[in-house]
Amino acid sequence: MGGITPLTKVCSGKVAVVGNGAISESDRRGINSGYYDCVVRFNDMKNITSGETATVHATRYTRYSMNKFPGLSLHKDGFSPIILPIVAKESDMDYGMCEDHACLPPYLVHEKNDGESKEEVMDTSIFDDCYHCKSRIFDCKQSYSSNGASSGTLIIDLLESDPSVSSIDVFGMNWNGSKLHMDFLQSNLVSSCCTKCDIHKSPSSEYNPFK
């Protein structure tokens, strides 16, 4: 997976990838300093505060569920990152999210259907060029878990394989969350395979310190 994608149009050079875990105040200042050419945030953006920056909002949520999360209320206050929808299949796409905001084409991810449908779900691998994946030290097929890779790892994989991206600084991620994601089952996968990444240690070992 990876290579040149629609994300390339808005993310290149020095990129900050900001997960939903805890971040230090020095990291927060760095993220918002203007140093990065692109800042990507995810899903409910738990650690964002008013006035902070985001270039791309990669999300598995629809416009209906987005209203439940405080961080997402910033979309209503003139905060307008480009939305990158992450969906299991094209028919899941809610284009209503794109009525008031610019959207990239949806990015398809492996997720097993939890309803009655028996249709096949797509299965791809991440970090195709990584030695640890090729040698099967890690299982890098998304079907290794029921919900494939986490949103953060999906985007890191895209950025890693994009020649226009020079560096990836990762904040607010510790891969200690639900084992529904294949990268959480193999928590050293990203640190072993992302050669462009500088993973800033989260001040909390909890995946969701904002419960």
C-alpha atoms as a PDB file:
ATOM      1  CA  MET A   1       0.000   0.000   0.000  1.00  0.00           C
ATOM      2  CA  GLY A   2       1.106   3.570  -0.269  1.00  0.00           C
ATOM      3  CA  GLY A   3       2.845   5.403  -3.094  1.00  0.00           C
ATOM      4  CA  ILE A   4       1.566   8.613  -4.615  1.00  0.00           C
ATOM      5  CA  THR A   5      -2.059   9.130  -3.538  1.00  0.00           C
ATOM      6  CA  PRO A   6      -4.540  12.040  -3.368  1.00  0.00           C
ATOM      7  CA  LEU A   7      -2.965  12.835   0.012  1.00  0.00           C
ATOM      8  CA  THR A   8       0.141  13.905  -1.918  1.00  0.00           C
ATOM      9  CA  LYS A   9      -1.729  16.953  -3.178  1.00  0.00           C
ATOM     10  CA  VAL A  10      -1.932  18.429   0.316  1.00  0.00           C
ATOM     11  CA  CYS A  11       0.833  16.691   2.318  1.00  0.00           C
ATOM     12  CA  SER A  12       4.494  16.798   1.402  1.00  0.00           C
ATOM     13  CA  GLY A  13       7.793  17.860   2.917  1.00  0.00           C
ATOM     14  CA  LYS A  14       7.832  17.846   6.733  1.00  0.00           C
ATOM     15  CA  VAL A  15       4.678  16.245   8.132  1.00  0.00           C
ATOM     16  CA  ALA A  16       3.340  16.043  11.700  1.00  0.00           C
ATOM     17  CA  VAL A  17       1.006  13.132  12.437  1.00  0.00           C
ATOM     18  CA  VAL A  18      -0.941  13.795  15.644  1.00  0.00           C
ATOM     19  CA  GLY A  19      -2.806  10.887  17.249  1.00  0.00           C
ATOM     20  CA  ASN A  20      -5.429  11.075  19.977  1.00  0.00           C
ATOM     21  CA  GLY A  21      -3.161  10.264  22.911  1.00  0.00           C
ATOM     22  CA  ALA A  22      -1.534  12.639  25.379  1.00  0.00           C
ATOM     23  CA  ILE A  23       1.053  15.113  24.093  1.00  0.00           C
ATOM     24  CA  SER A  24       3.498  17.252  26.039  1.00  0.00           C
ATOM     25  CA  GLU A  25       3.269  21.032  26.052  1.00  0.00           C
ATOM     26  CA  SER A  26       6.580  21.276  24.196  1.00  0.00           C
ATOM     27  CA  ASP A  27       5.236  18.932  21.515  1.00  0.00           C
ATOM     28  CA  ARG A  28       2.053  21.004  21.318  1.00  0.00           C
ATOM     29  CA  ARG A  29       4.095  24.147  20.721  1.00  0.00           C
ATOM     30  CA  GLY A  30       6.124  22.376  18.039  1.00  0.00           C
ATOM     31  CA  ILE A  31       3.044  21.087  16.227  1.00  0.00           C
ATOM     32  CA  ASN A  32       1.580  24.604  16.051  1.00  0.00           C
ATOM     33  CA  SER A  33       4.837  26.470  15.386  1.00  0.00           C
ATOM     34  CA  GLY A  34       4.509  26.586  11.596  1.00  0.00           C
ATOM     35  CA  TYR A  35       7.537  24.303  11.177  1.00  0.00           C
ATOM     36  CA  TYR A  36       5.524  21.563   9.458  1.00  0.00           C
ATOM     37  CA  ASP A  37       4.308  21.710   5.877  1.00  0.00           C
ATOM     38  CA  CYS A  38       1.344  19.488   6.777  1.00  0.00           C
ATOM     39  CA  VAL A  39      -0.357  18.467  10.041  1.00  0.00           C
ATOM     40  CA  VAL A  40      -2.635  15.395  10.017  1.00  0.00           C
ATOM     41  CA  ARG A  41      -5.092  14.689  12.845  1.00  0.00           C
ATOM     42  CA  PHE A  42      -7.513  11.809  13.301  1.00  0.00           C
ATOM     43  CA  ASN A  43     -11.097  10.849  14.123  1.00  0.00           C
ATOM     44  CA  ASP A  44     -12.279  12.749  17.226  1.00  0.00           C
ATOM     45  CA  MET A  45      -9.082  14.830  17.667  1.00  0.00           C
ATOM     46  CA  LYS A  46      -9.156  14.461  21.447  1.00  0.00           C
ATOM     47  CA  ASN A  47      -6.125  16.600  22.273  1.00  0.00           C
ATOM     48  CA  ILE A  48      -6.761  19.590  19.990  1.00  0.00           C
ATOM     49  CA  THR A  49      -7.700  22.978  21.420  1.00  0.00           C
ATOM     50  CA  SER A  50      -9.169  26.067  19.780  1.00  0.00           C
ATOM     51  CA  GLY A  51      -6.774  27.884  17.490  1.00  0.00           C
ATOM     52  CA  GLU A  52      -4.514  24.884  16.865  1.00  0.00           C
ATOM     53  CA  THR A  53      -3.599  23.722  13.410  1.00  0.00           C
ATOM     54  CA  ALA A  54      -4.608  20.848  11.154  1.00  0.00           C
ATOM     55  CA  THR A  55      -4.156  20.486   7.412  1.00  0.00           C
ATOM     56  CA  VAL A  56      -5.899  17.125   7.027  1.00  0.00           C
ATOM     57  CA  HIS A  57      -8.512  15.438   9.208  1.00  0.00           C
ATOM     58  CA  ALA A  58      -8.448  11.682   8.494  1.00  0.00           C
ATOM     59  CA  THR A  59     -11.589  10.126   9.918  1.00  0.00           C
ATOM     60  CA  ARG A  60     -13.601   6.924  10.028  1.00  0.00           C
ATOM     61  CA  TYR A  61     -16.613   8.898  11.321  1.00  0.00           C
ATOM     62  CA  THR A  62     -19.631  10.192   9.431  1.00  0.00           C
ATOM     63  CA  ARG A  63     -20.970  13.727   9.717  1.00  0.00           C
ATOM     64  CA  TYR A  64     -23.618  12.435  12.149  1.00  0.00           C
ATOM     65  CA  SER A  65     -21.251  10.841  14.646  1.00  0.00           C
ATOM     66  CA  MET A  66     -18.780  13.724  14.303  1.00  0.00           C
ATOM     67  CA  ASN A  67     -21.145  15.915  16.309  1.00  0.00           C
ATOM     68  CA  LYS A  68     -20.579  13.807  19.436  1.00  0.00           C
ATOM     69  CA  PHE A  69     -16.948  14.788  19.942  1.00  0.00           C
ATOM     70  CA  PRO A  70     -15.804  18.104  21.445  1.00  0.00           C
ATOM     71  CA  GLY A  71     -12.728  18.349  19.235  1.00  0.00           C
ATOM     72  CA  LEU A  72     -14.850  18.092  16.126  1.00  0.00           C
ATOM     73  CA  SER A  73     -17.031  21.040  17.140  1.00  0.00           C
ATOM     74  CA  LEU A  74     -14.140  23.172  15.906  1.00  0.00           C
ATOM     75  CA  HIS A  75     -15.328  22.369  12.385  1.00  0.00           C
ATOM     76  CA  LYS A  76     -18.168  24.775  13.099  1.00  0.00           C
ATOM     77  CA  ASP A  77     -15.887  27.628  14.198  1.00  0.00           C
ATOM     78  CA  GLY A  78     -14.060  28.337  10.969  1.00  0.00           C
ATOM     79  CA  PHE A  79     -11.655  25.435  11.459  1.00  0.00           C
ATOM     80  CA  SER A  80     -11.583  23.746   8.060  1.00  0.00           C
ATOM     81  CA  PRO A  81      -8.998  21.040   7.497  1.00  0.00           C
ATOM     82  CA  ILE A  82      -9.356  18.907   4.390  1.00  0.00           C
ATOM     83  CA  ILE A  83     -11.253  15.729   5.275  1.00  0.00           C
ATOM     84  CA  LEU A  84      -9.836  12.334   4.310  1.00  0.00           C
ATOM     85  CA  PRO A  85     -12.656   9.793   4.873  1.00  0.00           C
ATOM     86  CA  ILE A  86     -11.548   6.247   5.765  1.00  0.00           C
ATOM     87  CA  VAL A  87     -14.149   3.614   4.868  1.00  0.00           C
ATOM     88  CA  ALA A  88     -14.361  -0.151   4.422  1.00  0.00           C
ATOM     89  CA  LYS A  89     -16.183   0.103   1.102  1.00  0.00           C
ATOM     90  CA  GLU A  90     -17.372   2.820  -1.252  1.00  0.00           C
ATOM     91  CA  SER A  91     -21.009   2.345  -0.236  1.00  0.00           C
ATOM     92  CA  ASP A  92     -20.099   3.353   3.348  1.00  0.00           C
ATOM     93  CA  MET A  93     -19.017   6.797   2.225  1.00  0.00           C
ATOM     94  CA  ASP A  94     -21.096   9.666   3.621  1.00  0.00           C
ATOM     95  CA  TYR A  95     -20.617  12.527   1.188  1.00  0.00           C
ATOM     96  CA  GLY A  96     -22.567  14.788   3.515  1.00  0.00           C
ATOM     97  CA  MET A  97     -19.259  15.319   5.341  1.00  0.00           C
ATOM     98  CA  CYS A  98     -18.040  17.081   2.223  1.00  0.00           C
ATOM     99  CA  GLU A  99     -20.886  19.572   1.877  1.00  0.00           C
ATOM    100  CA  ASP A 100     -19.125  22.263   3.913  1.00  0.00           C
ATOM    101  CA  HIS A 101     -15.505  21.105   3.756  1.00  0.00           C
ATOM    102  CA  ALA A 102     -13.057  20.041   1.075  1.00  0.00           C
ATOM    103  CA  CYS A 103     -12.697  16.252   0.917  1.00  0.00           C
ATOM    104  CA  LEU A 104     -10.127  13.931  -0.560  1.00  0.00           C
ATOM    105  CA  PRO A 105     -11.397  10.733  -2.211  1.00  0.00           C
ATOM    106  CA  PRO A 106     -12.226   8.072   0.416  1.00  0.00           C
ATOM    107  CA  TYR A 107      -9.407   5.787   1.489  1.00  0.00           C
ATOM    108  CA  LEU A 108     -10.421   2.125   1.672  1.00  0.00           C
ATOM    109  CA  VAL A 109      -9.389   0.028   4.666  1.00  0.00           C
ATOM    110  CA  HIS A 110      -9.869  -3.614   5.621  1.00  0.00           C
ATOM    111  CA  GLU A 111     -12.671  -4.029   8.162  1.00  0.00           C
ATOM    112  CA  LYS A 112     -14.747  -7.154   8.643  1.00  0.00           C
ATOM    113  CA  ASN A 113     -18.470  -6.652   8.268  1.00  0.00           C
ATOM    114  CA  ASP A 114     -20.250  -6.942  11.589  1.00  0.00           C
ATOM    115  CA  GLY A 115     -23.749  -7.265  10.096  1.00  0.00           C
ATOM    116  CA  GLU A 116     -25.415  -9.891   7.958  1.00  0.00           C
ATOM    117  CA  SER A 117     -23.543  -9.084   4.766  1.00  0.00           C
ATOM    118  CA  LYS A 118     -21.159 -11.812   3.615  1.00  0.00           C
ATOM    119  CA  GLU A 119     -19.490  -9.781   0.917  1.00  0.00           C
ATOM    120  CA  GLU A 120     -15.733  -9.892   0.685  1.00  0.00           C
ATOM    121  CA  VAL A 121     -13.769  -7.126   2.375  1.00  0.00           C
ATOM    122  CA  MET A 122     -10.603  -5.829   0.801  1.00  0.00           C
ATOM    123  CA  ASP A 123      -7.295  -7.036   2.148  1.00  0.00           C
ATOM    124  CA  THR A 124      -4.055  -5.202   1.544  1.00  0.00           C
ATOM    125  CA  SER A 125      -0.745  -4.995   3.312  1.00  0.00           C
ATOM    126  CA  ILE A 126       1.084  -2.019   4.817  1.00  0.00           C
ATOM    127  CA  PHE A 127       4.793  -1.157   4.727  1.00  0.00           C
ATOM    128  CA  ASP A 128       5.346  -3.274   1.616  1.00  0.00           C
ATOM    129  CA  ASP A 129       9.037  -2.359   1.417  1.00  0.00           C
ATOM    130  CA  CYS A 130       9.803  -3.087   5.066  1.00  0.00           C
ATOM    131  CA  TYR A 131      12.258  -5.931   5.702  1.00  0.00           C
ATOM    132  CA  HIS A 132      10.357  -6.927   8.840  1.00  0.00           C
ATOM    133  CA  CYS A 133       7.204  -7.426   6.767  1.00  0.00           C
ATOM    134  CA  LYS A 134       8.917  -9.216   3.898  1.00  0.00           C
ATOM    135  CA  SER A 135      10.653 -11.618   6.288  1.00  0.00           C
ATOM    136  CA  ARG A 136       7.395 -12.198   8.233  1.00  0.00           C
ATOM    137  CA  ILE A 137       8.809 -10.882  11.514  1.00  0.00           C
ATOM    138  CA  PHE A 138       5.551  -8.931  11.479  1.00  0.00           C
ATOM    139  CA  ASP A 139       2.371  -9.933   9.705  1.00  0.00           C
ATOM    140  CA  CYS A 140       1.628  -6.808   7.675  1.00  0.00           C
ATOM    141  CA  LYS A 141      -1.595  -7.982   6.065  1.00  0.00           C
ATOM    142  CA  GLN A 142      -4.542  -5.938   7.291  1.00  0.00           C
ATOM    143  CA  SER A 143      -6.563  -9.129   7.713  1.00  0.00           C
ATOM    144  CA  TYR A 144      -4.281 -10.020  10.639  1.00  0.00           C
ATOM    145  CA  SER A 145      -6.944  -8.303  12.755  1.00  0.00           C
ATOM    146  CA  SER A 146     -10.650  -7.651  12.346  1.00  0.00           C
ATOM    147  CA  ASN A 147     -10.365  -3.881  11.794  1.00  0.00           C
ATOM    148  CA  GLY A 148      -7.139  -3.733   9.837  1.00  0.00           C
ATOM    149  CA  ALA A 149      -4.639  -1.023  10.657  1.00  0.00           C
ATOM    150  CA  SER A 150      -5.469   1.958  12.842  1.00  0.00           C
ATOM    151  CA  SER A 151      -6.180   5.271  11.120  1.00  0.00           C
ATOM    152  CA  GLY A 152      -2.846   6.688  12.277  1.00  0.00           C
ATOM    153  CA  THR A 153      -0.803   3.776  10.956  1.00  0.00           C
ATOM    154  CA  LEU A 154      -2.665   3.810   7.628  1.00  0.00           C
ATOM    155  CA  ILE A 155      -1.680   7.429   7.074  1.00  0.00           C
ATOM    156  CA  ILE A 156       1.892   6.893   8.286  1.00  0.00           C
ATOM    157  CA  ASP A 157       2.198   4.078   5.721  1.00  0.00           C
ATOM    158  CA  LEU A 158       0.974   6.371   2.938  1.00  0.00           C
ATOM    159  CA  LEU A 159       3.381   9.125   3.951  1.00  0.00           C
ATOM    160  CA  GLU A 160       6.320   6.726   4.362  1.00  0.00           C
ATOM    161  CA  SER A 161       5.980   5.505   0.782  1.00  0.00           C
ATOM    162  CA  ASP A 162       5.420   8.966  -0.711  1.00  0.00           C
ATOM    163  CA  PRO A 163       8.683  10.352  -2.187  1.00  0.00           C
ATOM    164  CA  SER A 164       7.475  13.941  -1.703  1.00  0.00           C
ATOM    165  CA  VAL A 165       7.429  13.467   2.101  1.00  0.00           C
ATOM    166  CA  SER A 166      10.815  14.123   3.696  1.00  0.00           C
ATOM    167  CA  SER A 167      10.049  13.478   7.382  1.00  0.00           C
ATOM    168  CA  ILE A 168       7.231  12.340   9.658  1.00  0.00           C
ATOM    169  CA  ASP A 169       7.043  13.462  13.272  1.00  0.00           C
ATOM    170  CA  VAL A 170       4.571  11.319  15.226  1.00  0.00           C
ATOM    171  CA  PHE A 171       2.833  12.672  18.341  1.00  0.00           C
ATOM    172  CA  GLY A 172       0.166  11.290  20.673  1.00  0.00           C
ATOM    173  CA  MET A 173       0.517   7.645  19.637  1.00  0.00           C
ATOM    174  CA  ASN A 174       1.602   4.642  21.717  1.00  0.00           C
ATOM    175  CA  TRP A 175      -0.201   1.673  20.072  1.00  0.00           C
ATOM    176  CA  ASN A 176      -1.536   0.455  23.440  1.00  0.00           C
ATOM    177  CA  GLY A 177      -5.177   0.415  22.405  1.00  0.00           C
ATOM    178  CA  SER A 178      -7.726  -2.133  21.223  1.00  0.00           C
ATOM    179  CA  LYS A 179      -6.379  -5.333  19.705  1.00  0.00           C
ATOM    180  CA  LEU A 180      -8.916  -4.952  16.903  1.00  0.00           C
ATOM    181  CA  HIS A 181      -6.120  -3.234  14.953  1.00  0.00           C
ATOM    182  CA  MET A 182      -3.223  -5.244  13.555  1.00  0.00           C
ATOM    183  CA  ASP A 183      -0.654  -2.576  14.494  1.00  0.00           C
ATOM    184  CA  PHE A 184      -1.815  -2.674  18.133  1.00  0.00           C
ATOM    185  CA  LEU A 185      -1.333  -6.438  18.152  1.00  0.00           C
ATOM    186  CA  GLN A 186       2.214  -5.761  16.914  1.00  0.00           C
ATOM    187  CA  SER A 187       3.043  -2.552  18.762  1.00  0.00           C
ATOM    188  CA  ASN A 188       6.605  -2.251  17.414  1.00  0.00           C
ATOM    189  CA  LEU A 189       5.518  -2.488  13.783  1.00  0.00           C
ATOM    190  CA  VAL A 190       5.510   1.229  12.991  1.00  0.00           C
ATOM    191  CA  SER A 191       8.744   2.027  14.837  1.00  0.00           C
ATOM    192  CA  SER A 192      10.452  -0.858  13.006  1.00  0.00           C
ATOM    193  CA  CYS A 193       9.148  -0.086   9.515  1.00  0.00           C
ATOM    194  CA  CYS A 194       8.763   3.688   9.240  1.00  0.00           C
ATOM    195  CA  THR A 195      12.187   4.985   8.244  1.00  0.00           C
ATOM    196  CA  LYS A 196      11.015   8.613   7.997  1.00  0.00           C
ATOM    197  CA  CYS A 197       9.403   8.625  11.447  1.00  0.00           C
ATOM    198  CA  ASP A 198      10.550  10.370  14.594  1.00  0.00           C
ATOM    199  CA  ILE A 199       8.109   9.001  17.182  1.00  0.00           C
ATOM    200  CA  HIS A 200       7.810  11.425  20.084  1.00  0.00           C
ATOM    201  CA  LYS A 201       7.139   9.556  23.315  1.00  0.00           C
ATOM    202  CA  SER A 202       3.683  10.199  24.707  1.00  0.00           C
ATOM    203  CA  PRO A 203       3.645  11.410  28.340  1.00  0.00           C
ATOM    204  CA  SER A 204       1.028   8.730  29.085  1.00  0.00           C
ATOM    205  CA  SER A 205       1.127   4.995  28.437  1.00  0.00           C
ATOM    206  CA  GLU A 206      -2.688   4.985  28.263  1.00  0.00           C
ATOM    207  CA  TYR A 207      -4.114   4.855  24.758  1.00  0.00           C
ATOM    208  CA  ASN A 208      -7.011   7.098  25.779  1.00  0.00           C
ATOM    209  CA  PRO A 209      -5.961   9.328  28.684  1.00  0.00           C
ATOM    210  CA  PHE A 210      -9.024  11.540  28.161  1.00  0.00           C
ATOM    211  CA  LYS A 211     -11.682   9.093  29.384  1.00  0.00           C
END
